[in-house]
């Protein structure tokens, strides 16, 4: 049913190409930095998905040209991610286009209904996160923010400095909203 010489060559080719691709990815990530593997924004997530697909393509390439094309595409994606990470740190308009903005879900012990809707979190989700953070009384919470990466930040020690709120959306508003 199977040509054993073709089957053994396919197994060898798949193993060698996958190992070579993995070595190349590690080298590229070492050059570009851990940003490629860190907490992800939506853009980072898409790059990661595409990278996985290209890794599979490279590992199953049947010709040198197909392998080279997959590696070139993977390198280009990771370089683009690196360039955009640099650009986001330098240019606010680019950051506003690419990144999600943190969103206030609770302020001064009170749930922000618009923030709950905007974050797609329920009151039970918020209560669970407060318990996980060891907070026994919601009134102790100065600020509860859903961060751009999906992490939760909870501040309990009084007023929050305005500089920490510069990029935070309030009341589920648009990017034009300014923090209170």
N, C-alpha and C. Protein backbone atom coordinates (compact mmCIF):
# COMPACT_ATOMS: atom_id res chain seq x y z
N UNK A 1 0.82 -1.19 0.00
CA UNK A 1 0.00 0.00 0.00
C UNK A 1 0.87 1.26 0.00
N UNK A 2 1.90 1.29 0.86
CA UNK A 2 2.82 2.43 0.89
C UNK A 2 4.17 2.00 0.36
N UNK A 3 4.77 2.86 -0.38
CA UNK A 3 6.14 2.62 -0.84
C UNK A 3 7.05 2.90 0.35
N UNK A 4 7.72 1.86 0.85
CA UNK A 4 8.51 2.02 2.07
C UNK A 4 9.66 3.01 1.90
N UNK A 5 10.22 3.10 0.71
CA UNK A 5 11.29 4.07 0.53
C UNK A 5 10.74 5.49 0.60
N UNK A 6 9.56 5.71 0.03
CA UNK A 6 8.94 7.04 0.10
C UNK A 6 8.50 7.36 1.52
N UNK A 7 7.96 6.35 2.22
CA UNK A 7 7.53 6.55 3.60
C UNK A 7 8.72 6.88 4.49
N UNK A 8 9.80 6.14 4.36
CA UNK A 8 10.97 6.42 5.20
C UNK A 8 11.57 7.79 4.87
N UNK A 9 11.57 8.15 3.61
CA UNK A 9 12.09 9.48 3.23
C UNK A 9 11.18 10.58 3.78
N UNK A 10 9.88 10.37 3.75
CA UNK A 10 8.95 11.36 4.28
C UNK A 10 9.15 11.53 5.78
N UNK A 11 9.35 10.42 6.49
CA UNK A 11 9.59 10.50 7.93
C UNK A 11 10.90 11.23 8.24
N UNK A 12 11.93 10.89 7.50
CA UNK A 12 13.22 11.55 7.71
C UNK A 12 13.11 13.04 7.37
N UNK A 13 12.51 13.34 6.22
CA UNK A 13 12.36 14.74 5.79
C UNK A 13 11.56 15.54 6.83
N UNK A 14 10.44 14.98 7.29
CA UNK A 14 9.62 15.67 8.28
C UNK A 14 10.38 15.92 9.57
N UNK A 15 11.13 14.93 10.02
CA UNK A 15 11.91 15.08 11.26
C UNK A 15 13.01 16.11 11.12
N UNK A 16 13.77 16.02 10.03
CA UNK A 16 14.89 16.93 9.81
C UNK A 16 14.38 18.36 9.62
N UNK A 17 13.37 18.54 8.79
CA UNK A 17 12.85 19.89 8.53
C UNK A 17 12.23 20.50 9.78
N UNK A 18 11.51 19.70 10.56
CA UNK A 18 10.92 20.22 11.79
C UNK A 18 12.00 20.65 12.78
N UNK A 19 13.03 19.83 12.93
CA UNK A 19 14.13 20.18 13.83
C UNK A 19 14.85 21.43 13.33
N UNK A 20 15.11 21.50 12.03
CA UNK A 20 15.79 22.68 11.47
C UNK A 20 14.93 23.93 11.66
N UNK A 21 13.65 23.80 11.44
CA UNK A 21 12.75 24.94 11.60
C UNK A 21 12.72 25.40 13.05
N UNK A 22 12.67 24.45 13.97
CA UNK A 22 12.66 24.80 15.39
C UNK A 22 13.94 25.54 15.77
N UNK A 23 15.07 25.07 15.30
CA UNK A 23 16.35 25.75 15.57
C UNK A 23 16.32 27.17 15.01
N UNK A 24 15.81 27.33 13.79
CA UNK A 24 15.73 28.66 13.19
C UNK A 24 14.79 29.58 13.97
N UNK A 25 13.66 29.06 14.42
CA UNK A 25 12.72 29.88 15.19
C UNK A 25 13.36 30.33 16.50
N UNK A 26 14.03 29.40 17.17
CA UNK A 26 14.71 29.77 18.43
C UNK A 26 15.74 30.86 18.15
N UNK A 27 16.50 30.72 17.09
CA UNK A 27 17.51 31.74 16.74
C UNK A 27 16.84 33.08 16.44
N UNK A 28 15.76 33.06 15.68
CA UNK A 28 15.06 34.31 15.35
C UNK A 28 14.49 34.96 16.61
N UNK A 29 13.87 34.17 17.47
CA UNK A 29 13.29 34.73 18.71
C UNK A 29 14.39 35.27 19.61
N UNK A 30 15.54 34.61 19.65
CA UNK A 30 16.67 35.13 20.45
C UNK A 30 17.14 36.47 19.91
N UNK A 31 17.14 36.62 18.59
CA UNK A 31 17.56 37.88 17.97
C UNK A 31 16.51 38.96 18.20
N UNK A 32 15.26 38.63 17.97
CA UNK A 32 14.17 39.61 18.08
C UNK A 32 13.85 39.92 19.53
N UNK A 33 13.94 38.93 20.40
CA UNK A 33 13.64 39.14 21.81
C UNK A 33 12.39 38.38 22.23
N UNK A 34 12.18 38.36 23.53
CA UNK A 34 11.09 37.57 24.09
C UNK A 34 9.71 38.18 23.82
N UNK A 35 9.66 39.36 23.23
CA UNK A 35 8.37 39.97 22.90
C UNK A 35 7.51 39.00 22.08
N UNK A 36 8.14 38.19 21.25
CA UNK A 36 7.40 37.25 20.42
C UNK A 36 6.69 36.19 21.25
N UNK A 37 7.10 36.01 22.50
CA UNK A 37 6.51 34.98 23.34
C UNK A 37 5.89 35.53 24.62
N UNK A 38 5.82 36.83 24.76
CA UNK A 38 5.35 37.42 26.00
C UNK A 38 3.83 37.50 26.03
N UNK A 39 3.30 38.14 27.07
CA UNK A 39 1.86 38.38 27.14
C UNK A 39 1.44 39.02 25.84
N UNK A 40 0.33 38.58 25.31
CA UNK A 40 0.01 38.96 23.95
C UNK A 40 -1.13 39.96 23.84
N UNK A 41 -0.92 40.90 22.95
CA UNK A 41 -2.02 41.74 22.48
C UNK A 41 -2.70 40.95 21.37
N UNK A 42 -3.78 41.47 20.83
CA UNK A 42 -4.47 40.79 19.74
C UNK A 42 -3.54 40.61 18.55
N UNK A 43 -2.74 41.62 18.25
CA UNK A 43 -1.80 41.53 17.13
C UNK A 43 -0.77 40.43 17.38
N UNK A 44 -0.23 40.37 18.59
CA UNK A 44 0.75 39.34 18.93
C UNK A 44 0.15 37.94 18.80
N UNK A 45 -1.11 37.81 19.20
CA UNK A 45 -1.79 36.52 19.11
C UNK A 45 -1.90 36.07 17.65
N UNK A 46 -2.26 36.98 16.77
CA UNK A 46 -2.38 36.64 15.34
C UNK A 46 -1.02 36.23 14.79
N UNK A 47 0.02 36.95 15.15
CA UNK A 47 1.37 36.59 14.70
C UNK A 47 1.75 35.20 15.20
N UNK A 48 1.41 34.90 16.44
CA UNK A 48 1.73 33.59 17.01
C UNK A 48 1.00 32.48 16.26
N UNK A 49 -0.29 32.69 15.95
CA UNK A 49 -1.04 31.69 15.19
C UNK A 49 -0.42 31.48 13.81
N UNK A 50 -0.11 32.58 13.14
CA UNK A 50 0.48 32.47 11.80
C UNK A 50 1.85 31.79 11.88
N UNK A 51 2.61 32.06 12.93
CA UNK A 51 3.92 31.43 13.08
C UNK A 51 3.79 29.92 13.24
N UNK A 52 2.79 29.49 14.00
CA UNK A 52 2.57 28.05 14.16
C UNK A 52 2.23 27.38 12.84
N UNK A 53 1.41 28.04 12.07
CA UNK A 53 1.04 27.51 10.76
C UNK A 53 2.26 27.43 9.85
N UNK A 54 3.09 28.46 9.86
CA UNK A 54 4.29 28.46 9.03
C UNK A 54 5.30 27.42 9.50
N UNK A 55 5.37 27.19 10.81
CA UNK A 55 6.24 26.14 11.34
C UNK A 55 5.80 24.79 10.78
N UNK A 56 4.49 24.54 10.79
CA UNK A 56 3.98 23.29 10.24
C UNK A 56 4.26 23.19 8.74
N UNK A 57 4.09 24.29 8.04
CA UNK A 57 4.37 24.30 6.60
C UNK A 57 5.83 23.98 6.33
N UNK A 58 6.73 24.59 7.10
CA UNK A 58 8.15 24.33 6.90
C UNK A 58 8.50 22.88 7.24
N UNK A 59 7.89 22.36 8.28
CA UNK A 59 8.18 20.98 8.70
C UNK A 59 7.68 19.93 7.73
N UNK A 60 6.70 20.31 6.92
CA UNK A 60 6.15 19.34 5.96
C UNK A 60 6.48 19.70 4.52
N UNK A 61 7.38 20.65 4.33
CA UNK A 61 7.76 21.07 2.97
C UNK A 61 8.34 19.90 2.19
N UNK A 62 7.94 19.82 0.93
CA UNK A 62 8.42 18.73 0.09
C UNK A 62 9.53 19.16 -0.86
N UNK A 63 9.75 20.48 -0.93
CA UNK A 63 10.83 20.97 -1.80
C UNK A 63 11.64 22.01 -1.04
N UNK A 64 12.88 22.18 -1.42
CA UNK A 64 13.68 23.23 -0.78
C UNK A 64 13.04 24.62 -0.94
N UNK A 65 12.42 24.86 -2.08
CA UNK A 65 11.79 26.17 -2.30
C UNK A 65 10.62 26.38 -1.34
N UNK A 66 9.82 25.35 -1.08
CA UNK A 66 8.68 25.47 -0.16
C UNK A 66 9.18 25.71 1.27
N UNK A 67 10.27 25.01 1.64
CA UNK A 67 10.87 25.20 2.96
C UNK A 67 11.39 26.63 3.10
N UNK A 68 12.12 27.09 2.11
CA UNK A 68 12.69 28.45 2.15
C UNK A 68 11.59 29.50 2.20
N UNK A 69 10.51 29.28 1.45
CA UNK A 69 9.40 30.24 1.47
C UNK A 69 8.76 30.30 2.85
N UNK A 70 8.53 29.17 3.50
CA UNK A 70 7.94 29.16 4.84
C UNK A 70 8.85 29.85 5.85
N UNK A 71 10.15 29.58 5.76
CA UNK A 71 11.10 30.22 6.68
C UNK A 71 11.16 31.72 6.42
N UNK A 72 11.15 32.12 5.17
CA UNK A 72 11.16 33.55 4.84
C UNK A 72 9.90 34.23 5.38
N UNK A 73 8.76 33.59 5.21
CA UNK A 73 7.50 34.17 5.71
C UNK A 73 7.52 34.26 7.23
N UNK A 74 8.00 33.23 7.89
CA UNK A 74 8.10 33.24 9.35
C UNK A 74 9.03 34.34 9.83
N UNK A 75 10.18 34.46 9.19
CA UNK A 75 11.13 35.51 9.55
C UNK A 75 10.52 36.89 9.34
N UNK A 76 9.81 37.07 8.23
CA UNK A 76 9.16 38.36 7.94
C UNK A 76 8.11 38.69 8.99
N UNK A 77 7.30 37.71 9.40
CA UNK A 77 6.28 37.96 10.43
C UNK A 77 6.90 38.38 11.75
N UNK A 78 7.93 37.65 12.17
CA UNK A 78 8.58 37.99 13.44
C UNK A 78 9.29 39.34 13.36
N UNK A 79 9.87 39.65 12.22
CA UNK A 79 10.50 40.97 12.04
C UNK A 79 9.44 42.07 12.06
N UNK A 80 8.29 41.81 11.45
CA UNK A 80 7.19 42.77 11.49
C UNK A 80 6.72 42.99 12.92
N UNK A 81 6.61 41.90 13.68
CA UNK A 81 6.21 42.02 15.08
C UNK A 81 7.22 42.87 15.85
N UNK A 82 8.51 42.62 15.60
CA UNK A 82 9.55 43.40 16.26
C UNK A 82 9.44 44.87 15.86
N UNK A 83 9.29 45.13 14.57
CA UNK A 83 9.18 46.51 14.10
C UNK A 83 7.96 47.23 14.65
N UNK A 84 6.84 46.53 14.70
CA UNK A 84 5.64 47.16 15.25
C UNK A 84 5.75 47.37 16.76
N UNK A 85 6.41 46.45 17.46
CA UNK A 85 6.62 46.65 18.90
C UNK A 85 7.46 47.90 19.13
N UNK A 86 8.49 48.08 18.32
CA UNK A 86 9.31 49.29 18.42
C UNK A 86 8.46 50.52 18.06
N UNK A 87 7.71 50.42 16.97
CA UNK A 87 6.88 51.54 16.53
C UNK A 87 5.82 51.92 17.54
N UNK A 88 5.24 50.91 18.19
CA UNK A 88 4.22 51.20 19.22
C UNK A 88 4.84 51.95 20.39
N UNK A 89 6.09 51.64 20.69
CA UNK A 89 6.73 52.33 21.82
C UNK A 89 7.10 53.78 21.45
N UNK A 90 7.22 54.05 20.16
CA UNK A 90 7.65 55.38 19.72
C UNK A 90 6.50 56.28 19.24
N UNK A 91 5.43 55.69 18.71
CA UNK A 91 4.38 56.47 18.06
C UNK A 91 3.01 56.11 18.63
N UNK A 92 2.44 57.04 19.36
CA UNK A 92 1.13 56.81 19.99
C UNK A 92 0.04 56.45 18.98
N UNK A 93 -0.05 57.12 17.82
CA UNK A 93 -1.11 56.75 16.87
C UNK A 93 -1.03 55.28 16.44
N UNK A 94 0.15 54.75 16.26
CA UNK A 94 0.30 53.35 15.90
C UNK A 94 -0.18 52.46 17.05
N UNK A 95 0.17 52.83 18.27
CA UNK A 95 -0.25 52.09 19.45
C UNK A 95 -1.77 52.06 19.54
N UNK A 96 -2.41 53.19 19.24
CA UNK A 96 -3.86 53.27 19.31
C UNK A 96 -4.55 52.39 18.27
N UNK A 97 -3.92 52.21 17.11
CA UNK A 97 -4.49 51.38 16.06
C UNK A 97 -4.33 49.90 16.39
N UNK A 98 -3.19 49.51 16.91
CA UNK A 98 -2.86 48.10 17.08
C UNK A 98 -3.32 47.53 18.42
N UNK A 99 -3.14 48.27 19.50
CA UNK A 99 -3.37 47.71 20.83
C UNK A 99 -4.78 47.94 21.33
N UNK A 100 -5.24 46.98 22.14
CA UNK A 100 -6.43 47.21 22.94
C UNK A 100 -6.05 48.20 24.01
N UNK A 101 -7.05 48.90 24.54
CA UNK A 101 -6.76 49.81 25.65
C UNK A 101 -7.28 49.20 26.93
N UNK A 102 -6.58 49.39 28.02
CA UNK A 102 -7.08 48.93 29.31
C UNK A 102 -8.44 49.56 29.59
N UNK A 103 -9.28 48.86 30.37
CA UNK A 103 -10.63 49.31 30.62
C UNK A 103 -10.96 49.22 32.10
N UNK A 104 -11.47 50.32 32.68
CA UNK A 104 -11.89 50.33 34.07
C UNK A 104 -13.18 49.53 34.20
N UNK A 105 -13.17 48.57 35.13
CA UNK A 105 -14.34 47.75 35.39
C UNK A 105 -14.94 48.10 36.75
N UNK A 106 -14.10 48.59 37.65
CA UNK A 106 -14.55 48.95 39.00
C UNK A 106 -13.70 50.12 39.49
N UNK A 107 -14.37 51.07 40.14
CA UNK A 107 -13.65 52.22 40.68
C UNK A 107 -14.26 52.56 42.04
N UNK A 108 -13.38 52.79 43.01
CA UNK A 108 -13.79 53.18 44.36
C UNK A 108 -14.86 52.25 44.93
N UNK A 109 -14.65 50.94 44.72
CA UNK A 109 -15.54 49.94 45.30
C UNK A 109 -16.85 49.74 44.56
N UNK A 110 -17.08 50.48 43.50
CA UNK A 110 -18.34 50.38 42.74
C UNK A 110 -18.09 49.79 41.36
N UNK A 111 -18.96 48.88 40.96
CA UNK A 111 -18.87 48.32 39.61
C UNK A 111 -19.22 49.39 38.59
N UNK A 112 -18.51 49.39 37.48
CA UNK A 112 -18.80 50.29 36.37
C UNK A 112 -19.58 49.47 35.35
N UNK A 113 -20.88 49.71 35.26
CA UNK A 113 -21.74 48.89 34.40
C UNK A 113 -21.28 48.92 32.94
N UNK A 114 -20.95 50.09 32.45
CA UNK A 114 -20.48 50.20 31.06
C UNK A 114 -19.14 49.47 30.91
N UNK A 115 -18.28 49.56 31.91
CA UNK A 115 -17.01 48.85 31.90
C UNK A 115 -17.21 47.34 31.92
N UNK A 116 -18.19 46.87 32.70
CA UNK A 116 -18.51 45.44 32.71
C UNK A 116 -18.96 44.98 31.33
N UNK A 117 -19.84 45.76 30.71
CA UNK A 117 -20.31 45.40 29.37
C UNK A 117 -19.16 45.42 28.36
N UNK A 118 -18.35 46.47 28.43
CA UNK A 118 -17.23 46.61 27.49
C UNK A 118 -16.19 45.51 27.65
N UNK A 119 -16.03 45.01 28.86
CA UNK A 119 -15.05 43.97 29.12
C UNK A 119 -15.64 42.57 28.93
N UNK A 120 -16.95 42.52 28.81
CA UNK A 120 -17.69 41.25 28.73
C UNK A 120 -17.45 40.39 29.96
N UNK A 121 -17.31 41.06 31.09
CA UNK A 121 -17.16 40.37 32.38
C UNK A 121 -18.47 40.49 33.13
N UNK A 122 -18.77 39.48 33.92
CA UNK A 122 -19.96 39.54 34.77
C UNK A 122 -19.53 39.98 36.17
N UNK A 123 -20.50 40.31 36.98
CA UNK A 123 -20.21 40.65 38.38
C UNK A 123 -19.54 39.46 39.08
N UNK A 124 -19.98 38.26 38.73
CA UNK A 124 -19.38 37.06 39.32
C UNK A 124 -17.91 36.93 38.92
N UNK A 125 -17.58 37.27 37.67
CA UNK A 125 -16.18 37.24 37.24
C UNK A 125 -15.33 38.20 38.08
N UNK A 126 -15.87 39.40 38.30
CA UNK A 126 -15.14 40.40 39.08
C UNK A 126 -14.98 39.92 40.52
N UNK A 127 -16.07 39.39 41.10
CA UNK A 127 -16.01 38.88 42.48
C UNK A 127 -14.97 37.76 42.60
N UNK A 128 -14.92 36.90 41.60
CA UNK A 128 -13.94 35.81 41.61
C UNK A 128 -12.52 36.37 41.60
N UNK A 129 -12.26 37.35 40.76
CA UNK A 129 -10.93 37.94 40.68
C UNK A 129 -10.56 38.66 41.99
N UNK A 130 -11.53 39.30 42.61
CA UNK A 130 -11.26 39.95 43.89
C UNK A 130 -10.89 38.91 44.94
N UNK A 131 -11.63 37.82 44.99
CA UNK A 131 -11.30 36.75 45.95
C UNK A 131 -9.91 36.19 45.68
N UNK A 132 -9.59 35.97 44.40
CA UNK A 132 -8.26 35.44 44.04
C UNK A 132 -7.15 36.38 44.49
N UNK A 133 -7.44 37.68 44.50
CA UNK A 133 -6.45 38.67 44.91
C UNK A 133 -6.43 38.84 46.43
N UNK A 134 -7.28 38.10 47.14
CA UNK A 134 -7.30 38.18 48.59
C UNK A 134 -8.03 39.41 49.12
N UNK A 135 -8.90 39.97 48.32
CA UNK A 135 -9.63 41.17 48.73
C UNK A 135 -10.97 40.74 49.32
N UNK A 136 -11.17 41.06 50.60
CA UNK A 136 -12.38 40.64 51.30
C UNK A 136 -13.51 41.64 51.19
N UNK A 137 -13.19 42.91 50.91
CA UNK A 137 -14.21 43.94 50.85
C UNK A 137 -14.05 44.75 49.57
N UNK A 138 -15.05 44.71 48.68
CA UNK A 138 -14.96 45.48 47.43
C UNK A 138 -14.74 46.97 47.66
N UNK A 139 -15.15 47.48 48.80
CA UNK A 139 -14.97 48.90 49.10
C UNK A 139 -13.48 49.26 49.18
N UNK A 140 -12.63 48.27 49.38
CA UNK A 140 -11.19 48.51 49.46
C UNK A 140 -10.56 48.72 48.09
N UNK A 141 -11.31 48.44 47.02
CA UNK A 141 -10.76 48.52 45.67
C UNK A 141 -10.84 49.95 45.15
N UNK A 142 -9.69 50.55 44.90
CA UNK A 142 -9.65 51.87 44.28
C UNK A 142 -9.90 51.76 42.79
N UNK A 143 -9.30 50.73 42.17
CA UNK A 143 -9.39 50.59 40.73
C UNK A 143 -9.23 49.12 40.34
N UNK A 144 -10.09 48.67 39.45
CA UNK A 144 -10.04 47.32 38.88
C UNK A 144 -10.02 47.52 37.38
N UNK A 145 -8.91 47.10 36.72
CA UNK A 145 -8.73 47.37 35.30
C UNK A 145 -8.50 46.05 34.56
N UNK A 146 -9.21 45.89 33.44
CA UNK A 146 -8.91 44.81 32.51
C UNK A 146 -7.85 45.36 31.58
N UNK A 147 -6.63 44.79 31.65
CA UNK A 147 -5.51 45.30 30.89
C UNK A 147 -5.59 44.87 29.42
N UNK A 148 -4.79 45.47 28.58
CA UNK A 148 -4.77 45.20 27.14
C UNK A 148 -4.43 43.74 26.83
N UNK A 149 -3.69 43.09 27.71
CA UNK A 149 -3.29 41.70 27.51
C UNK A 149 -4.30 40.71 28.05
N UNK A 150 -5.36 41.21 28.71
CA UNK A 150 -6.35 40.35 29.34
C UNK A 150 -6.08 40.13 30.81
N UNK A 151 -4.93 40.61 31.31
CA UNK A 151 -4.64 40.52 32.74
C UNK A 151 -5.56 41.48 33.50
N UNK A 152 -5.65 41.25 34.78
CA UNK A 152 -6.43 42.12 35.66
C UNK A 152 -5.47 42.84 36.59
N UNK A 153 -5.67 44.15 36.74
CA UNK A 153 -4.91 44.93 37.73
C UNK A 153 -5.89 45.44 38.77
N UNK A 154 -5.55 45.25 40.02
CA UNK A 154 -6.40 45.72 41.12
C UNK A 154 -5.55 46.59 42.02
N UNK A 155 -5.99 47.83 42.22
CA UNK A 155 -5.29 48.77 43.09
C UNK A 155 -6.15 48.97 44.32
N UNK A 156 -5.55 48.81 45.50
CA UNK A 156 -6.33 48.91 46.73
C UNK A 156 -5.84 49.97 47.70
N UNK A 157 -4.80 50.67 47.36
CA UNK A 157 -4.20 51.57 48.34
C UNK A 157 -4.44 53.04 48.04
N UNK A 158 -5.68 53.42 47.87
CA UNK A 158 -6.00 54.83 47.76
C UNK A 158 -6.05 55.35 46.34
N UNK A 159 -5.98 56.67 46.20
CA UNK A 159 -6.11 57.30 44.89
C UNK A 159 -5.03 56.82 43.92
N UNK A 160 -5.39 56.76 42.65
CA UNK A 160 -4.48 56.32 41.61
C UNK A 160 -3.96 57.55 40.88
N UNK A 161 -2.65 57.62 40.73
CA UNK A 161 -2.02 58.77 40.07
C UNK A 161 -2.49 58.86 38.63
N UNK A 162 -2.75 60.04 38.14
CA UNK A 162 -3.28 60.28 36.80
C UNK A 162 -2.38 59.70 35.70
N UNK A 163 -1.07 59.67 35.91
CA UNK A 163 -0.16 59.12 34.90
C UNK A 163 -0.44 57.64 34.64
N UNK A 164 -0.89 56.92 35.67
CA UNK A 164 -1.18 55.50 35.50
C UNK A 164 -2.49 55.27 34.74
N UNK A 165 -3.28 56.32 34.60
CA UNK A 165 -4.57 56.21 33.92
C UNK A 165 -4.57 56.81 32.52
N UNK A 166 -3.43 57.28 32.06
CA UNK A 166 -3.36 58.00 30.79
C UNK A 166 -3.90 57.18 29.61
N UNK A 167 -3.69 55.88 29.60
CA UNK A 167 -4.13 55.08 28.46
C UNK A 167 -5.37 54.24 28.76
N UNK A 168 -5.99 54.46 29.90
CA UNK A 168 -7.10 53.62 30.34
C UNK A 168 -8.44 54.20 29.89
N UNK A 169 -9.30 53.32 29.33
CA UNK A 169 -10.66 53.73 28.97
C UNK A 169 -11.54 53.64 30.19
N UNK A 170 -12.45 54.57 30.31
CA UNK A 170 -13.42 54.55 31.39
C UNK A 170 -14.81 54.37 30.82
N UNK A 171 -15.66 53.73 31.57
CA UNK A 171 -17.08 53.57 31.24
C UNK A 171 -17.31 52.99 29.85
N UNK A 172 -16.41 52.11 29.42
CA UNK A 172 -16.61 51.41 28.15
C UNK A 172 -16.58 52.33 26.96
N UNK A 173 -16.03 53.53 27.12
CA UNK A 173 -16.04 54.53 26.06
C UNK A 173 -15.06 54.24 24.97
N UNK A 174 -14.91 55.18 24.07
CA UNK A 174 -14.02 55.04 22.92
C UNK A 174 -12.65 55.56 23.27
N UNK A 175 -11.76 55.46 22.33
CA UNK A 175 -10.39 55.91 22.54
C UNK A 175 -10.30 57.41 22.84
N UNK A 176 -11.33 58.15 22.48
CA UNK A 176 -11.30 59.58 22.73
C UNK A 176 -11.61 59.95 24.15
N UNK A 177 -12.10 58.99 24.95
CA UNK A 177 -12.44 59.28 26.34
C UNK A 177 -11.19 59.55 27.14
N UNK A 178 -11.29 60.40 28.08
CA UNK A 178 -10.19 60.70 28.98
C UNK A 178 -10.55 60.17 30.36
N UNK A 179 -9.58 59.67 31.10
CA UNK A 179 -9.84 59.19 32.44
C UNK A 179 -10.29 60.31 33.35
N UNK A 180 -11.06 59.94 34.35
CA UNK A 180 -11.51 60.92 35.35
C UNK A 180 -10.37 61.30 36.25
